[in-house]
Amino acid sequence: MGSNMKEVLDSLTDTVRLCRGYEKVKSIQPVTIKNEYGCVQEIARIEYENGHTVDVDIGCDSGIAAIYDVAKYLMCH
């Protein structure tokens, strides 16, 4: 994961919260996890104020690609 991914996703959180319908997004954080097959996976974890979380795959993404993947998820759900 890029060395500035946390800063990119922190900034994206602030931007997303300015948009109507996304005010309840609490944070978007980069997380590295092991999936059910034992492989390392890089995700953006979207947390809402009610505690609900959603994971978006951002593996091998540049900052701009991670922004695209998270925005695409938010727009479709």
PDB file of N, CA and C in Angstrom:
ATOM      1  N   MET A   1       0.858  -1.168   0.000  1.00  0.00           N
ATOM      2  CA  MET A   1       0.000   0.000   0.000  1.00  0.00           C
ATOM      3  C   MET A   1       0.901   1.227   0.000  1.00  0.00           C
ATOM      4  N   GLY A   2       0.512   2.234  -0.741  1.00  0.00           N
ATOM      5  CA  GLY A   2       1.310   3.449  -0.823  1.00  0.00           C
ATOM      6  C   GLY A   2       1.551   4.079   0.540  1.00  0.00           C
ATOM      7  N   SER A   3       2.689   4.724   0.670  1.00  0.00           N
ATOM      8  CA  SER A   3       3.065   5.283   1.971  1.00  0.00           C
ATOM      9  C   SER A   3       2.151   6.418   2.411  1.00  0.00           C
ATOM     10  N   ASN A   4       1.447   7.043   1.473  1.00  0.00           N
ATOM     11  CA  ASN A   4       0.556   8.133   1.853  1.00  0.00           C
ATOM     12  C   ASN A   4      -0.915   7.747   1.741  1.00  0.00           C
ATOM     13  N   MET A   5      -1.222   6.445   1.697  1.00  0.00           N
ATOM     14  CA  MET A   5      -2.605   6.008   1.532  1.00  0.00           C
ATOM     15  C   MET A   5      -3.484   6.478   2.682  1.00  0.00           C
ATOM     16  N   LYS A   6      -2.976   6.492   3.904  1.00  0.00           N
ATOM     17  CA  LYS A   6      -3.767   6.972   5.036  1.00  0.00           C
ATOM     18  C   LYS A   6      -4.170   8.426   4.827  1.00  0.00           C
ATOM     19  N   GLU A   7      -3.240   9.249   4.377  1.00  0.00           N
ATOM     20  CA  GLU A   7      -3.540  10.662   4.149  1.00  0.00           C
ATOM     21  C   GLU A   7      -4.553  10.830   3.014  1.00  0.00           C
ATOM     22  N   VAL A   8      -4.399  10.036   1.969  1.00  0.00           N
ATOM     23  CA  VAL A   8      -5.335  10.090   0.841  1.00  0.00           C
ATOM     24  C   VAL A   8      -6.744   9.742   1.320  1.00  0.00           C
ATOM     25  N   LEU A   9      -6.881   8.653   2.088  1.00  0.00           N
ATOM     26  CA  LEU A   9      -8.206   8.220   2.532  1.00  0.00           C
ATOM     27  C   LEU A   9      -8.770   9.135   3.619  1.00  0.00           C
ATOM     28  N   ASP A  10      -7.918   9.719   4.462  1.00  0.00           N
ATOM     29  CA  ASP A  10      -8.400  10.710   5.436  1.00  0.00           C
ATOM     30  C   ASP A  10      -8.988  11.913   4.710  1.00  0.00           C
ATOM     31  N   SER A  11      -8.301  12.375   3.684  1.00  0.00           N
ATOM     32  CA  SER A  11      -8.780  13.504   2.892  1.00  0.00           C
ATOM     33  C   SER A  11     -10.074  13.143   2.162  1.00  0.00           C
ATOM     34  N   LEU A  12     -10.141  11.918   1.638  1.00  0.00           N
ATOM     35  CA  LEU A  12     -11.348  11.466   0.965  1.00  0.00           C
ATOM     36  C   LEU A  12     -12.524  11.427   1.938  1.00  0.00           C
ATOM     37  N   THR A  13     -12.280  10.997   3.163  1.00  0.00           N
ATOM     38  CA  THR A  13     -13.334  10.984   4.181  1.00  0.00           C
ATOM     39  C   THR A  13     -13.932  12.374   4.343  1.00  0.00           C
ATOM     40  N   ASP A  14     -13.067  13.374   4.488  1.00  0.00           N
ATOM     41  CA  ASP A  14     -13.538  14.754   4.654  1.00  0.00           C
ATOM     42  C   ASP A  14     -14.362  15.195   3.451  1.00  0.00           C
ATOM     43  N   THR A  15     -13.920  14.850   2.266  1.00  0.00           N
ATOM     44  CA  THR A  15     -14.620  15.239   1.041  1.00  0.00           C
ATOM     45  C   THR A  15     -15.965  14.531   0.930  1.00  0.00           C
ATOM     46  N   VAL A  16     -15.988  13.232   1.181  1.00  0.00           N
ATOM     47  CA  VAL A  16     -17.223  12.451   1.080  1.00  0.00           C
ATOM     48  C   VAL A  16     -18.269  12.980   2.061  1.00  0.00           C
ATOM     49  N   ARG A  17     -17.842  13.348   3.252  1.00  0.00           N
ATOM     50  CA  ARG A  17     -18.790  13.831   4.268  1.00  0.00           C
ATOM     51  C   ARG A  17     -19.453  15.149   3.870  1.00  0.00           C
ATOM     52  N   LEU A  18     -18.866  15.873   2.943  1.00  0.00           N
ATOM     53  CA  LEU A  18     -19.465  17.114   2.452  1.00  0.00           C
ATOM     54  C   LEU A  18     -20.602  16.857   1.471  1.00  0.00           C
ATOM     55  N   CYS A  19     -20.702  15.635   0.975  1.00  0.00           N
ATOM     56  CA  CYS A  19     -21.690  15.294  -0.047  1.00  0.00           C
ATOM     57  C   CYS A  19     -22.993  14.820   0.593  1.00  0.00           C
ATOM     58  N   ARG A  20     -24.094  15.284   0.030  1.00  0.00           N
ATOM     59  CA  ARG A  20     -25.416  14.910   0.536  1.00  0.00           C
ATOM     60  C   ARG A  20     -25.573  13.394   0.492  1.00  0.00           C
ATOM     61  N   GLY A  21     -26.018  12.838   1.599  1.00  0.00           N
ATOM     62  CA  GLY A  21     -26.244  11.407   1.698  1.00  0.00           C
ATOM     63  C   GLY A  21     -25.080  10.638   2.297  1.00  0.00           C
ATOM     64  N   TYR A  22     -23.937  11.305   2.471  1.00  0.00           N
ATOM     65  CA  TYR A  22     -22.748  10.613   3.000  1.00  0.00           C
ATOM     66  C   TYR A  22     -22.232  11.261   4.280  1.00  0.00           C
ATOM     67  N   GLU A  23     -23.070  12.077   4.915  1.00  0.00           N
ATOM     68  CA  GLU A  23     -22.667  12.780   6.130  1.00  0.00           C
ATOM     69  C   GLU A  23     -22.349  11.822   7.277  1.00  0.00           C
ATOM     70  N   LYS A  24     -22.884  10.618   7.214  1.00  0.00           N
ATOM     71  CA  LYS A  24     -22.708   9.659   8.307  1.00  0.00           C
ATOM     72  C   LYS A  24     -21.484   8.760   8.133  1.00  0.00           C
ATOM     73  N   VAL A  25     -20.661   9.024   7.127  1.00  0.00           N
ATOM     74  CA  VAL A  25     -19.400   8.299   6.986  1.00  0.00           C
ATOM     75  C   VAL A  25     -18.457   8.829   8.069  1.00  0.00           C
ATOM     76  N   LYS A  26     -18.056   7.953   8.963  1.00  0.00           N
ATOM     77  CA  LYS A  26     -17.184   8.347  10.077  1.00  0.00           C
ATOM     78  C   LYS A  26     -15.724   8.373   9.653  1.00  0.00           C
ATOM     79  N   SER A  27     -15.301   7.332   8.931  1.00  0.00           N
ATOM     80  CA  SER A  27     -13.904   7.269   8.506  1.00  0.00           C
ATOM     81  C   SER A  27     -13.745   6.293   7.351  1.00  0.00           C
ATOM     82  N   ILE A  28     -12.665   6.500   6.612  1.00  0.00           N
ATOM     83  CA  ILE A  28     -12.232   5.556   5.574  1.00  0.00           C
ATOM     84  C   ILE A  28     -10.750   5.331   5.841  1.00  0.00           C
ATOM     85  N   GLN A  29     -10.402   4.104   6.232  1.00  0.00           N
ATOM     86  CA  GLN A  29      -9.043   3.800   6.655  1.00  0.00           C
ATOM     87  C   GLN A  29      -8.443   2.660   5.850  1.00  0.00           C
ATOM     88  N   PRO A  30      -7.155   2.737   5.535  1.00  0.00           N
ATOM     89  CA  PRO A  30      -6.492   1.606   4.887  1.00  0.00           C
ATOM     90  C   PRO A  30      -6.203   0.515   5.919  1.00  0.00           C
ATOM     91  N   VAL A  31      -6.497  -0.721   5.550  1.00  0.00           N
ATOM     92  CA  VAL A  31      -6.291  -1.859   6.457  1.00  0.00           C
ATOM     93  C   VAL A  31      -5.715  -3.009   5.642  1.00  0.00           C
ATOM     94  N   THR A  32      -4.765  -3.713   6.219  1.00  0.00           N
ATOM     95  CA  THR A  32      -4.230  -4.929   5.607  1.00  0.00           C
ATOM     96  C   THR A  32      -4.753  -6.111   6.401  1.00  0.00           C
ATOM     97  N   ILE A  33      -5.410  -7.043   5.721  1.00  0.00           N
ATOM     98  CA  ILE A  33      -6.001  -8.207   6.384  1.00  0.00           C
ATOM     99  C   ILE A  33      -5.569  -9.480   5.674  1.00  0.00           C
ATOM    100  N   LYS A  34      -5.809 -10.610   6.319  1.00  0.00           N
ATOM    101  CA  LYS A  34      -5.666 -11.910   5.660  1.00  0.00           C
ATOM    102  C   LYS A  34      -7.066 -12.385   5.318  1.00  0.00           C
ATOM    103  N   ASN A  35      -7.278 -12.740   4.068  1.00  0.00           N
ATOM    104  CA  ASN A  35      -8.600 -13.224   3.672  1.00  0.00           C
ATOM    105  C   ASN A  35      -8.769 -14.680   4.081  1.00  0.00           C
ATOM    106  N   GLU A  36      -9.900 -15.263   3.719  1.00  0.00           N
ATOM    107  CA  GLU A  36     -10.207 -16.632   4.137  1.00  0.00           C
ATOM    108  C   GLU A  36      -9.254 -17.665   3.558  1.00  0.00           C
ATOM    109  N   TYR A  37      -8.479 -17.279   2.544  1.00  0.00           N
ATOM    110  CA  TYR A  37      -7.506 -18.194   1.942  1.00  0.00           C
ATOM    111  C   TYR A  37      -6.098 -17.981   2.481  1.00  0.00           C
ATOM    112  N   GLY A  38      -5.955 -17.048   3.431  1.00  0.00           N
ATOM    113  CA  GLY A  38      -4.659 -16.773   4.030  1.00  0.00           C
ATOM    114  C   GLY A  38      -3.809 -15.775   3.258  1.00  0.00           C
ATOM    115  N   CYS A  39      -4.372 -15.194   2.210  1.00  0.00           N
ATOM    116  CA  CYS A  39      -3.649 -14.206   1.408  1.00  0.00           C
ATOM    117  C   CYS A  39      -3.822 -12.817   2.010  1.00  0.00           C
ATOM    118  N   VAL A  40      -2.776 -12.017   1.926  1.00  0.00           N
ATOM    119  CA  VAL A  40      -2.844 -10.645   2.413  1.00  0.00           C
ATOM    120  C   VAL A  40      -3.636  -9.811   1.409  1.00  0.00           C
ATOM    121  N   GLN A  41      -4.532  -8.997   1.941  1.00  0.00           N
ATOM    122  CA  GLN A  41      -5.391  -8.171   1.100  1.00  0.00           C
ATOM    123  C   GLN A  41      -5.403  -6.749   1.653  1.00  0.00           C
ATOM    124  N   GLU A  42      -5.293  -5.771   0.763  1.00  0.00           N
ATOM    125  CA  GLU A  42      -5.341  -4.364   1.149  1.00  0.00           C
ATOM    126  C   GLU A  42      -6.748  -3.845   0.869  1.00  0.00           C
ATOM    127  N   ILE A  43      -7.348  -3.254   1.903  1.00  0.00           N
ATOM    128  CA  ILE A  43      -8.714  -2.766   1.781  1.00  0.00           C
ATOM    129  C   ILE A  43      -8.819  -1.342   2.320  1.00  0.00           C
ATOM    130  N   ALA A  44      -9.866  -0.678   1.884  1.00  0.00           N
ATOM    131  CA  ALA A  44     -10.278   0.578   2.508  1.00  0.00           C
ATOM    132  C   ALA A  44     -11.505   0.225   3.334  1.00  0.00           C
ATOM    133  N   ARG A  45     -11.425   0.436   4.632  1.00  0.00           N
ATOM    134  CA  ARG A  45     -12.560   0.131   5.516  1.00  0.00           C
ATOM    135  C   ARG A  45     -13.358   1.405   5.730  1.00  0.00           C
ATOM    136  N   ILE A  46     -14.595   1.392   5.250  1.00  0.00           N
ATOM    137  CA  ILE A  46     -15.501   2.525   5.422  1.00  0.00           C
ATOM    138  C   ILE A  46     -16.308   2.265   6.688  1.00  0.00           C
ATOM    139  N   GLU A  47     -16.223   3.187   7.644  1.00  0.00           N
ATOM    140  CA  GLU A  47     -16.974   3.055   8.889  1.00  0.00           C
ATOM    141  C   GLU A  47     -18.010   4.171   8.959  1.00  0.00           C
ATOM    142  N   TYR A  48     -19.233   3.778   9.305  1.00  0.00           N
ATOM    143  CA  TYR A  48     -20.317   4.739   9.453  1.00  0.00           C
ATOM    144  C   TYR A  48     -20.518   5.059  10.930  1.00  0.00           C
ATOM    145  N   GLU A  49     -21.178   6.162  11.218  1.00  0.00           N
ATOM    146  CA  GLU A  49     -21.390   6.596  12.603  1.00  0.00           C
ATOM    147  C   GLU A  49     -22.119   5.558  13.445  1.00  0.00           C
ATOM    148  N   ASN A  50     -22.942   4.712  12.818  1.00  0.00           N
ATOM    149  CA  ASN A  50     -23.676   3.686  13.565  1.00  0.00           C
ATOM    150  C   ASN A  50     -22.833   2.436  13.841  1.00  0.00           C
ATOM    151  N   GLY A  51     -21.561   2.435  13.417  1.00  0.00           N
ATOM    152  CA  GLY A  51     -20.665   1.308  13.657  1.00  0.00           C
ATOM    153  C   GLY A  51     -20.579   0.313  12.516  1.00  0.00           C
ATOM    154  N   HIS A  52     -21.465   0.410  11.545  1.00  0.00           N
ATOM    155  CA  HIS A  52     -21.435  -0.477  10.374  1.00  0.00           C
ATOM    156  C   HIS A  52     -20.154  -0.220   9.583  1.00  0.00           C
ATOM    157  N   THR A  53     -19.517  -1.289   9.113  1.00  0.00           N
ATOM    158  CA  THR A  53     -18.317  -1.143   8.287  1.00  0.00           C
ATOM    159  C   THR A  53     -18.493  -1.890   6.973  1.00  0.00           C
ATOM    160  N   VAL A  54     -17.811  -1.393   5.959  1.00  0.00           N
ATOM    161  CA  VAL A  54     -17.779  -2.006   4.633  1.00  0.00           C
ATOM    162  C   VAL A  54     -16.327  -1.999   4.173  1.00  0.00           C
ATOM    163  N   ASP A  55     -15.874  -3.102   3.592  1.00  0.00           N
ATOM    164  CA  ASP A  55     -14.512  -3.201   3.084  1.00  0.00           C
ATOM    165  C   ASP A  55     -14.512  -3.128   1.555  1.00  0.00           C
ATOM    166  N   VAL A  56     -13.643  -2.263   1.025  1.00  0.00           N
ATOM    167  CA  VAL A  56     -13.489  -2.098  -0.415  1.00  0.00           C
ATOM    168  C   VAL A  56     -12.064  -2.490  -0.783  1.00  0.00           C
ATOM    169  N   ASP A  57     -11.921  -3.390  -1.732  1.00  0.00           N
ATOM    170  CA  ASP A  57     -10.598  -3.848  -2.149  1.00  0.00           C
ATOM    171  C   ASP A  57      -9.841  -2.715  -2.843  1.00  0.00           C
ATOM    172  N   ILE A  58      -8.669  -2.375  -2.315  1.00  0.00           N
ATOM    173  CA  ILE A  58      -7.811  -1.367  -2.946  1.00  0.00           C
ATOM    174  C   ILE A  58      -6.411  -1.928  -3.173  1.00  0.00           C
ATOM    175  N   GLY A  59      -6.290  -3.248  -3.242  1.00  0.00           N
ATOM    176  CA  GLY A  59      -5.001  -3.888  -3.438  1.00  0.00           C
ATOM    177  C   GLY A  59      -4.291  -3.382  -4.678  1.00  0.00           C
ATOM    178  N   CYS A  60      -3.024  -3.055  -4.537  1.00  0.00           N
ATOM    179  CA  CYS A  60      -2.161  -2.583  -5.624  1.00  0.00           C
ATOM    180  C   CYS A  60      -2.605  -1.257  -6.212  1.00  0.00           C
ATOM    181  N   ASP A  61      -3.489  -0.546  -5.533  1.00  0.00           N
ATOM    182  CA  ASP A  61      -3.987   0.722  -6.056  1.00  0.00           C
ATOM    183  C   ASP A  61      -3.031   1.866  -5.744  1.00  0.00           C
ATOM    184  N   SER A  62      -2.961   2.807  -6.668  1.00  0.00           N
ATOM    185  CA  SER A  62      -2.349   4.091  -6.388  1.00  0.00           C
ATOM    186  C   SER A  62      -3.385   4.894  -5.606  1.00  0.00           C
ATOM    187  N   GLY A  63      -3.016   6.061  -5.130  1.00  0.00           N
ATOM    188  CA  GLY A  63      -3.959   6.893  -4.399  1.00  0.00           C
ATOM    189  C   GLY A  63      -5.193   7.219  -5.213  1.00  0.00           C
ATOM    190  N   ILE A  64      -5.003   7.622  -6.464  1.00  0.00           N
ATOM    191  CA  ILE A  64      -6.133   8.004  -7.305  1.00  0.00           C
ATOM    192  C   ILE A  64      -7.016   6.799  -7.617  1.00  0.00           C
ATOM    193  N   ALA A  65      -6.422   5.626  -7.785  1.00  0.00           N
ATOM    194  CA  ALA A  65      -7.207   4.415  -8.037  1.00  0.00           C
ATOM    195  C   ALA A  65      -8.008   4.028  -6.800  1.00  0.00           C
ATOM    196  N   ALA A  66      -7.442   4.220  -5.601  1.00  0.00           N
ATOM    197  CA  ALA A  66      -8.176   3.938  -4.365  1.00  0.00           C
ATOM    198  C   ALA A  66      -9.365   4.890  -4.236  1.00  0.00           C
ATOM    199  N   ILE A  67      -9.165   6.157  -4.570  1.00  0.00           N
ATOM    200  CA  ILE A  67     -10.264   7.129  -4.542  1.00  0.00           C
ATOM    201  C   ILE A  67     -11.372   6.663  -5.489  1.00  0.00           C
ATOM    202  N   TYR A  68     -11.004   6.252  -6.677  1.00  0.00           N
ATOM    203  CA  TYR A  68     -11.970   5.774  -7.667  1.00  0.00           C
ATOM    204  C   TYR A  68     -12.734   4.560  -7.136  1.00  0.00           C
ATOM    205  N   ASP A  69     -12.018   3.572  -6.577  1.00  0.00           N
ATOM    206  CA  ASP A  69     -12.663   2.352  -6.093  1.00  0.00           C
ATOM    207  C   ASP A  69     -13.639   2.647  -4.963  1.00  0.00           C
ATOM    208  N   VAL A  70     -13.245   3.502  -4.027  1.00  0.00           N
ATOM    209  CA  VAL A  70     -14.129   3.846  -2.905  1.00  0.00           C
ATOM    210  C   VAL A  70     -15.326   4.639  -3.413  1.00  0.00           C
ATOM    211  N   ALA A  71     -15.097   5.627  -4.272  1.00  0.00           N
ATOM    212  CA  ALA A  71     -16.200   6.432  -4.807  1.00  0.00           C
ATOM    213  C   ALA A  71     -17.164   5.565  -5.603  1.00  0.00           C
ATOM    214  N   LYS A  72     -16.642   4.639  -6.396  1.00  0.00           N
ATOM    215  CA  LYS A  72     -17.480   3.736  -7.186  1.00  0.00           C
ATOM    216  C   LYS A  72     -18.366   2.916  -6.255  1.00  0.00           C
ATOM    217  N   TYR A  73     -17.779   2.397  -5.170  1.00  0.00           N
ATOM    218  CA  TYR A  73     -18.574   1.622  -4.214  1.00  0.00           C
ATOM    219  C   TYR A  73     -19.685   2.489  -3.617  1.00  0.00           C
ATOM    220  N   LEU A  74     -19.319   3.676  -3.146  1.00  0.00           N
ATOM    221  CA  LEU A  74     -20.298   4.546  -2.493  1.00  0.00           C
ATOM    222  C   LEU A  74     -21.430   4.935  -3.446  1.00  0.00           C
ATOM    223  N   MET A  75     -21.113   5.178  -4.693  1.00  0.00           N
ATOM    224  CA  MET A  75     -22.132   5.589  -5.653  1.00  0.00           C
ATOM    225  C   MET A  75     -23.078   4.450  -6.013  1.00  0.00           C
ATOM    226  N   CYS A  76     -22.630   3.219  -5.882  1.00  0.00           N
ATOM    227  CA  CYS A  76     -23.442   2.060  -6.272  1.00  0.00           C
ATOM    228  C   CYS A  76     -24.201   1.432  -5.108  1.00  0.00           C
ATOM    229  N   HIS A  77     -23.948   1.905  -3.885  1.00  0.00           N
ATOM    230  CA  HIS A  77     -24.606   1.281  -2.719  1.00  0.00           C
ATOM    231  C   HIS A  77     -25.279   2.312  -1.847  1.00  0.00           C
TER     232      HIS A  77
END
